[in-house]
Amino acid sequence: MTIRSLGQDFKDNIPKGVQSLRFENTGITSIKNQAFSHLQKLNILSIRRGSLKKLSRDWFPRPWNLTYLDF
């Protein structure tokens, strides 16, 4: 499946209790600010083999309790 962007639709439809997200070979080219900001329990995030070039602190909640990041 090709996913180009994670934005408001993603944020509106992902359960707040998600603890792990893995995206691999999705073609993601952009992630909008605060896309993961409501995921307070997210502790594993993997975004592999996509087209993203950078991470942004504005994507995530404050405080950010992530224990594993694969980018």
PDB file of N, CA and C in Angstrom:
ATOM      1  N   MET A   1       0.841  -1.169   0.000  1.00  0.00           N
ATOM      2  CA  MET A   1       0.000   0.000   0.000  1.00  0.00           C
ATOM      3  C   MET A   1       0.891   1.239   0.000  1.00  0.00           C
ATOM      4  N   THR A   2       0.571   2.194  -0.808  1.00  0.00           N
ATOM      5  CA  THR A   2       1.317   3.442  -0.858  1.00  0.00           C
ATOM      6  C   THR A   2       0.607   4.490  -0.012  1.00  0.00           C
ATOM      7  N   ILE A   3       1.311   4.997   0.964  1.00  0.00           N
ATOM      8  CA  ILE A   3       0.825   6.087   1.808  1.00  0.00           C
ATOM      9  C   ILE A   3       1.772   7.250   1.580  1.00  0.00           C
ATOM     10  N   ARG A   4       1.267   8.351   1.099  1.00  0.00           N
ATOM     11  CA  ARG A   4       2.125   9.497   0.785  1.00  0.00           C
ATOM     12  C   ARG A   4       2.306  10.443   1.968  1.00  0.00           C
ATOM     13  N   SER A   5       1.245  10.626   2.761  1.00  0.00           N
ATOM     14  CA  SER A   5       1.305  11.621   3.824  1.00  0.00           C
ATOM     15  C   SER A   5       0.503  11.161   5.037  1.00  0.00           C
ATOM     16  N   LEU A   6       0.991  11.496   6.217  1.00  0.00           N
ATOM     17  CA  LEU A   6       0.244  11.282   7.449  1.00  0.00           C
ATOM     18  C   LEU A   6      -0.170  12.654   7.947  1.00  0.00           C
ATOM     19  N   GLY A   7      -1.467  12.893   7.982  1.00  0.00           N
ATOM     20  CA  GLY A   7      -1.966  14.199   8.384  1.00  0.00           C
ATOM     21  C   GLY A   7      -3.195  14.078   9.252  1.00  0.00           C
ATOM     22  N   GLN A   8      -4.141  14.975   9.061  1.00  0.00           N
ATOM     23  CA  GLN A   8      -5.334  15.030   9.906  1.00  0.00           C
ATOM     24  C   GLN A   8      -6.176  13.766   9.800  1.00  0.00           C
ATOM     25  N   ASP A   9      -6.334  13.193   8.611  1.00  0.00           N
ATOM     26  CA  ASP A   9      -7.108  11.952   8.472  1.00  0.00           C
ATOM     27  C   ASP A   9      -6.500  10.834   9.304  1.00  0.00           C
ATOM     28  N   PHE A  10      -5.185  10.720   9.272  1.00  0.00           N
ATOM     29  CA  PHE A  10      -4.489   9.725  10.087  1.00  0.00           C
ATOM     30  C   PHE A  10      -4.775   9.991  11.563  1.00  0.00           C
ATOM     31  N   LYS A  11      -4.577  11.219  11.983  1.00  0.00           N
ATOM     32  CA  LYS A  11      -4.753  11.594  13.388  1.00  0.00           C
ATOM     33  C   LYS A  11      -6.181  11.337  13.859  1.00  0.00           C
ATOM     34  N   ASP A  12      -7.157  11.614  13.014  1.00  0.00           N
ATOM     35  CA  ASP A  12      -8.561  11.440  13.375  1.00  0.00           C
ATOM     36  C   ASP A  12      -8.977   9.977  13.468  1.00  0.00           C
ATOM     37  N   ASN A  13      -8.241   9.080  12.829  1.00  0.00           N
ATOM     38  CA  ASN A  13      -8.682   7.692  12.726  1.00  0.00           C
ATOM     39  C   ASN A  13      -7.808   6.668  13.436  1.00  0.00           C
ATOM     40  N   ILE A  14      -6.743   7.082  14.063  1.00  0.00           N
ATOM     41  CA  ILE A  14      -5.881   6.138  14.778  1.00  0.00           C
ATOM     42  C   ILE A  14      -6.257   6.176  16.265  1.00  0.00           C
ATOM     43  N   PRO A  15      -6.468   5.022  16.882  1.00  0.00           N
ATOM     44  CA  PRO A  15      -6.844   5.008  18.305  1.00  0.00           C
ATOM     45  C   PRO A  15      -5.764   5.635  19.194  1.00  0.00           C
ATOM     46  N   LYS A  16      -6.183   6.388  20.189  1.00  0.00           N
ATOM     47  CA  LYS A  16      -5.248   7.087  21.078  1.00  0.00           C
ATOM     48  C   LYS A  16      -4.382   6.140  21.898  1.00  0.00           C
ATOM     49  N   GLY A  17      -4.826   4.902  22.090  1.00  0.00           N
ATOM     50  CA  GLY A  17      -4.091   3.951  22.911  1.00  0.00           C
ATOM     51  C   GLY A  17      -3.022   3.162  22.179  1.00  0.00           C
ATOM     52  N   VAL A  18      -2.782   3.479  20.915  1.00  0.00           N
ATOM     53  CA  VAL A  18      -1.783   2.751  20.129  1.00  0.00           C
ATOM     54  C   VAL A  18      -0.416   2.859  20.802  1.00  0.00           C
ATOM     55  N   GLN A  19       0.267   1.712  20.912  1.00  0.00           N
ATOM     56  CA  GLN A  19       1.581   1.685  21.543  1.00  0.00           C
ATOM     57  C   GLN A  19       2.710   1.475  20.547  1.00  0.00           C
ATOM     58  N   SER A  20       2.382   0.972  19.354  1.00  0.00           N
ATOM     59  CA  SER A  20       3.418   0.646  18.374  1.00  0.00           C
ATOM     60  C   SER A  20       2.907   0.940  16.967  1.00  0.00           C
ATOM     61  N   LEU A  21       3.730   1.602  16.169  1.00  0.00           N
ATOM     62  CA  LEU A  21       3.424   1.849  14.757  1.00  0.00           C
ATOM     63  C   LEU A  21       4.635   1.474  13.930  1.00  0.00           C
ATOM     64  N   ARG A  22       4.370   0.733  12.845  1.00  0.00           N
ATOM     65  CA  ARG A  22       5.448   0.346  11.933  1.00  0.00           C
ATOM     66  C   ARG A  22       4.995   0.627  10.501  1.00  0.00           C
ATOM     67  N   PHE A  23       5.787   1.409   9.804  1.00  0.00           N
ATOM     68  CA  PHE A  23       5.550   1.717   8.399  1.00  0.00           C
ATOM     69  C   PHE A  23       6.787   1.271   7.635  1.00  0.00           C
ATOM     70  N   GLU A  24       6.609   0.408   6.646  1.00  0.00           N
ATOM     71  CA  GLU A  24       7.752  -0.070   5.873  1.00  0.00           C
ATOM     72  C   GLU A  24       7.375  -0.114   4.396  1.00  0.00           C
ATOM     73  N   ASN A  25       8.244   0.452   3.563  1.00  0.00           N
ATOM     74  CA  ASN A  25       8.012   0.498   2.112  1.00  0.00           C
ATOM     75  C   ASN A  25       6.678   1.143   1.762  1.00  0.00           C
ATOM     76  N   THR A  26       6.300   2.195   2.468  1.00  0.00           N
ATOM     77  CA  THR A  26       5.004   2.825   2.240  1.00  0.00           C
ATOM     78  C   THR A  26       5.057   3.993   1.272  1.00  0.00           C
ATOM     79  N   GLY A  27       6.214   4.554   1.032  1.00  0.00           N
ATOM     80  CA  GLY A  27       6.313   5.714   0.157  1.00  0.00           C
ATOM     81  C   GLY A  27       5.950   7.013   0.846  1.00  0.00           C
ATOM     82  N   ILE A  28       5.908   7.026   2.182  1.00  0.00           N
ATOM     83  CA  ILE A  28       5.578   8.252   2.916  1.00  0.00           C
ATOM     84  C   ILE A  28       6.586   9.342   2.565  1.00  0.00           C
ATOM     85  N   THR A  29       6.059  10.476   2.131  1.00  0.00           N
ATOM     86  CA  THR A  29       6.921  11.603   1.782  1.00  0.00           C
ATOM     87  C   THR A  29       6.775  12.768   2.751  1.00  0.00           C
ATOM     88  N   SER A  30       5.678  12.784   3.535  1.00  0.00           N
ATOM     89  CA  SER A  30       5.510  13.869   4.501  1.00  0.00           C
ATOM     90  C   SER A  30       4.659  13.417   5.681  1.00  0.00           C
ATOM     91  N   ILE A  31       4.950  14.024   6.806  1.00  0.00           N
ATOM     92  CA  ILE A  31       4.167  13.836   8.018  1.00  0.00           C
ATOM     93  C   ILE A  31       3.856  15.231   8.534  1.00  0.00           C
ATOM     94  N   LYS A  32       2.584  15.506   8.724  1.00  0.00           N
ATOM     95  CA  LYS A  32       2.163  16.837   9.165  1.00  0.00           C
ATOM     96  C   LYS A  32       2.462  17.033  10.649  1.00  0.00           C
ATOM     97  N   ASN A  33       2.661  18.277  11.051  1.00  0.00           N
ATOM     98  CA  ASN A  33       2.887  18.598  12.456  1.00  0.00           C
ATOM     99  C   ASN A  33       1.771  18.022  13.310  1.00  0.00           C
ATOM    100  N   GLN A  34       2.130  17.494  14.457  1.00  0.00           N
ATOM    101  CA  GLN A  34       1.233  16.934  15.459  1.00  0.00           C
ATOM    102  C   GLN A  34       0.525  15.656  15.015  1.00  0.00           C
ATOM    103  N   ALA A  35       1.019  14.998  13.966  1.00  0.00           N
ATOM    104  CA  ALA A  35       0.384  13.765  13.490  1.00  0.00           C
ATOM    105  C   ALA A  35       0.327  12.689  14.568  1.00  0.00           C
ATOM    106  N   PHE A  36       1.330  12.643  15.443  1.00  0.00           N
ATOM    107  CA  PHE A  36       1.371  11.644  16.510  1.00  0.00           C
ATOM    108  C   PHE A  36       1.130  12.276  17.887  1.00  0.00           C
ATOM    109  N   SER A  37       0.764  13.538  17.939  1.00  0.00           N
ATOM    110  CA  SER A  37       0.731  14.286  19.202  1.00  0.00           C
ATOM    111  C   SER A  37      -0.273  13.753  20.215  1.00  0.00           C
ATOM    112  N   HIS A  38      -1.313  13.072  19.774  1.00  0.00           N
ATOM    113  CA  HIS A  38      -2.319  12.544  20.693  1.00  0.00           C
ATOM    114  C   HIS A  38      -2.016  11.109  21.136  1.00  0.00           C
ATOM    115  N   LEU A  39      -0.928  10.540  20.647  1.00  0.00           N
ATOM    116  CA  LEU A  39      -0.579   9.148  20.952  1.00  0.00           C
ATOM    117  C   LEU A  39       0.367   9.095  22.153  1.00  0.00           C
ATOM    118  N   GLN A  40      -0.167   9.381  23.323  1.00  0.00           N
ATOM    119  CA  GLN A  40       0.631   9.453  24.549  1.00  0.00           C
ATOM    120  C   GLN A  40       1.266   8.117  24.924  1.00  0.00           C
ATOM    121  N   LYS A  41       0.676   6.997  24.486  1.00  0.00           N
ATOM    122  CA  LYS A  41       1.197   5.671  24.836  1.00  0.00           C
ATOM    123  C   LYS A  41       2.123   5.089  23.770  1.00  0.00           C
ATOM    124  N   LEU A  42       2.346   5.826  22.692  1.00  0.00           N
ATOM    125  CA  LEU A  42       3.217   5.341  21.622  1.00  0.00           C
ATOM    126  C   LEU A  42       4.643   5.190  22.146  1.00  0.00           C
ATOM    127  N   ASN A  43       5.164   3.954  22.109  1.00  0.00           N
ATOM    128  CA  ASN A  43       6.532   3.760  22.578  1.00  0.00           C
ATOM    129  C   ASN A  43       7.437   3.105  21.542  1.00  0.00           C
ATOM    130  N   ILE A  44       6.863   2.668  20.418  1.00  0.00           N
ATOM    131  CA  ILE A  44       7.663   2.113  19.319  1.00  0.00           C
ATOM    132  C   ILE A  44       7.195   2.756  18.018  1.00  0.00           C
ATOM    133  N   LEU A  45       8.115   3.349  17.279  1.00  0.00           N
ATOM    134  CA  LEU A  45       7.808   3.928  15.976  1.00  0.00           C
ATOM    135  C   LEU A  45       8.889   3.521  14.990  1.00  0.00           C
ATOM    136  N   SER A  46       8.455   2.902  13.914  1.00  0.00           N
ATOM    137  CA  SER A  46       9.379   2.489  12.860  1.00  0.00           C
ATOM    138  C   SER A  46       8.855   3.007  11.527  1.00  0.00           C
ATOM    139  N   ILE A  47       9.670   3.798  10.854  1.00  0.00           N
ATOM    140  CA  ILE A  47       9.349   4.312   9.516  1.00  0.00           C
ATOM    141  C   ILE A  47      10.550   3.970   8.649  1.00  0.00           C
ATOM    142  N   ARG A  48      10.446   2.864   7.931  1.00  0.00           N
ATOM    143  CA  ARG A  48      11.597   2.349   7.182  1.00  0.00           C
ATOM    144  C   ARG A  48      11.307   2.311   5.691  1.00  0.00           C
ATOM    145  N   ARG A  49      12.354   2.567   4.947  1.00  0.00           N
ATOM    146  CA  ARG A  49      12.323   2.481   3.490  1.00  0.00           C
ATOM    147  C   ARG A  49      11.221   3.353   2.874  1.00  0.00           C
ATOM    148  N   GLY A  50      11.065   4.530   3.433  1.00  0.00           N
ATOM    149  CA  GLY A  50      10.159   5.511   2.864  1.00  0.00           C
ATOM    150  C   GLY A  50      10.962   6.608   2.198  1.00  0.00           C
ATOM    151  N   SER A  51      10.320   7.717   1.934  1.00  0.00           N
ATOM    152  CA  SER A  51      10.995   8.825   1.262  1.00  0.00           C
ATOM    153  C   SER A  51      11.220  10.019   2.183  1.00  0.00           C
ATOM    154  N   LEU A  52      10.992   9.853   3.476  1.00  0.00           N
ATOM    155  CA  LEU A  52      11.228  10.950   4.417  1.00  0.00           C
ATOM    156  C   LEU A  52      12.712  11.226   4.552  1.00  0.00           C
ATOM    157  N   LYS A  53      13.043  12.476   4.666  1.00  0.00           N
ATOM    158  CA  LYS A  53      14.438  12.888   4.809  1.00  0.00           C
ATOM    159  C   LYS A  53      14.768  13.405   6.203  1.00  0.00           C
ATOM    160  N   LYS A  54      13.741  13.787   6.987  1.00  0.00           N
ATOM    161  CA  LYS A  54      13.999  14.360   8.301  1.00  0.00           C
ATOM    162  C   LYS A  54      12.858  14.048   9.263  1.00  0.00           C
ATOM    163  N   LEU A  55      13.179  14.128  10.544  1.00  0.00           N
ATOM    164  CA  LEU A  55      12.206  14.024  11.625  1.00  0.00           C
ATOM    165  C   LEU A  55      11.912  15.420  12.142  1.00  0.00           C
ATOM    166  N   SER A  56      10.719  15.615  12.684  1.00  0.00           N
ATOM    167  CA  SER A  56      10.378  16.903  13.283  1.00  0.00           C
ATOM    168  C   SER A  56       9.851  16.679  14.698  1.00  0.00           C
ATOM    169  N   ARG A  57      10.350  17.433  15.643  1.00  0.00           N
ATOM    170  CA  ARG A  57       9.871  17.339  17.027  1.00  0.00           C
ATOM    171  C   ARG A  57       8.392  17.661  17.113  1.00  0.00           C
ATOM    172  N   ASP A  58       7.886  18.465  16.192  1.00  0.00           N
ATOM    173  CA  ASP A  58       6.487  18.890  16.203  1.00  0.00           C
ATOM    174  C   ASP A  58       5.503  17.769  15.874  1.00  0.00           C
ATOM    175  N   TRP A  59       5.987  16.626  15.448  1.00  0.00           N
ATOM    176  CA  TRP A  59       5.096  15.496  15.158  1.00  0.00           C
ATOM    177  C   TRP A  59       4.576  14.832  16.426  1.00  0.00           C
ATOM    178  N   PHE A  60       5.301  14.963  17.529  1.00  0.00           N
ATOM    179  CA  PHE A  60       5.119  14.106  18.691  1.00  0.00           C
ATOM    180  C   PHE A  60       4.556  14.837  19.905  1.00  0.00           C
ATOM    181  N   PRO A  61       4.012  14.037  20.869  1.00  0.00           N
ATOM    182  CA  PRO A  61       3.500  14.651  22.097  1.00  0.00           C
ATOM    183  C   PRO A  61       4.640  15.160  22.974  1.00  0.00           C
ATOM    184  N   ARG A  62       4.295  15.998  23.920  1.00  0.00           N
ATOM    185  CA  ARG A  62       5.245  16.485  24.925  1.00  0.00           C
ATOM    186  C   ARG A  62       4.663  16.159  26.292  1.00  0.00           C
ATOM    187  N   PRO A  63       5.305  15.395  27.123  1.00  0.00           N
ATOM    188  CA  PRO A  63       6.573  14.714  26.867  1.00  0.00           C
ATOM    189  C   PRO A  63       6.387  13.560  25.890  1.00  0.00           C
ATOM    190  N   TRP A  64       7.476  13.160  25.313  1.00  0.00           N
ATOM    191  CA  TRP A  64       7.498  12.085  24.328  1.00  0.00           C
ATOM    192  C   TRP A  64       8.129  10.875  24.990  1.00  0.00           C
ATOM    193  N   ASN A  65       7.371   9.794  25.149  1.00  0.00           N
ATOM    194  CA  ASN A  65       7.830   8.629  25.897  1.00  0.00           C
ATOM    195  C   ASN A  65       8.285   7.486  25.007  1.00  0.00           C
ATOM    196  N   LEU A  66       8.686   7.786  23.805  1.00  0.00           N
ATOM    197  CA  LEU A  66       9.124   6.758  22.875  1.00  0.00           C
ATOM    198  C   LEU A  66      10.372   6.056  23.405  1.00  0.00           C
ATOM    199  N   THR A  67      10.380   4.725  23.295  1.00  0.00           N
ATOM    200  CA  THR A  67      11.545   3.958  23.739  1.00  0.00           C
ATOM    201  C   THR A  67      12.309   3.357  22.570  1.00  0.00           C
ATOM    202  N   TYR A  68      11.678   3.300  21.383  1.00  0.00           N
ATOM    203  CA  TYR A  68      12.348   2.732  20.210  1.00  0.00           C
ATOM    204  C   TYR A  68      11.941   3.514  18.972  1.00  0.00           C
ATOM    205  N   LEU A  69      12.914   4.009  18.245  1.00  0.00           N
ATOM    206  CA  LEU A  69      12.681   4.730  16.994  1.00  0.00           C
ATOM    207  C   LEU A  69      13.576   4.136  15.923  1.00  0.00           C
ATOM    208  N   ASP A  70      12.967   3.751  14.811  1.00  0.00           N
ATOM    209  CA  ASP A  70      13.715   3.234  13.660  1.00  0.00           C
ATOM    210  C   ASP A  70      13.329   4.093  12.474  1.00  0.00           C
ATOM    211  N   PHE A  71      14.294   4.863  11.968  1.00  0.00           N
ATOM    212  CA  PHE A  71      14.014   5.811  10.887  1.00  0.00           C
ATOM    213  C   PHE A  71      15.054   5.659   9.810  1.00  0.00           C
TER     214      PHE A  71
END
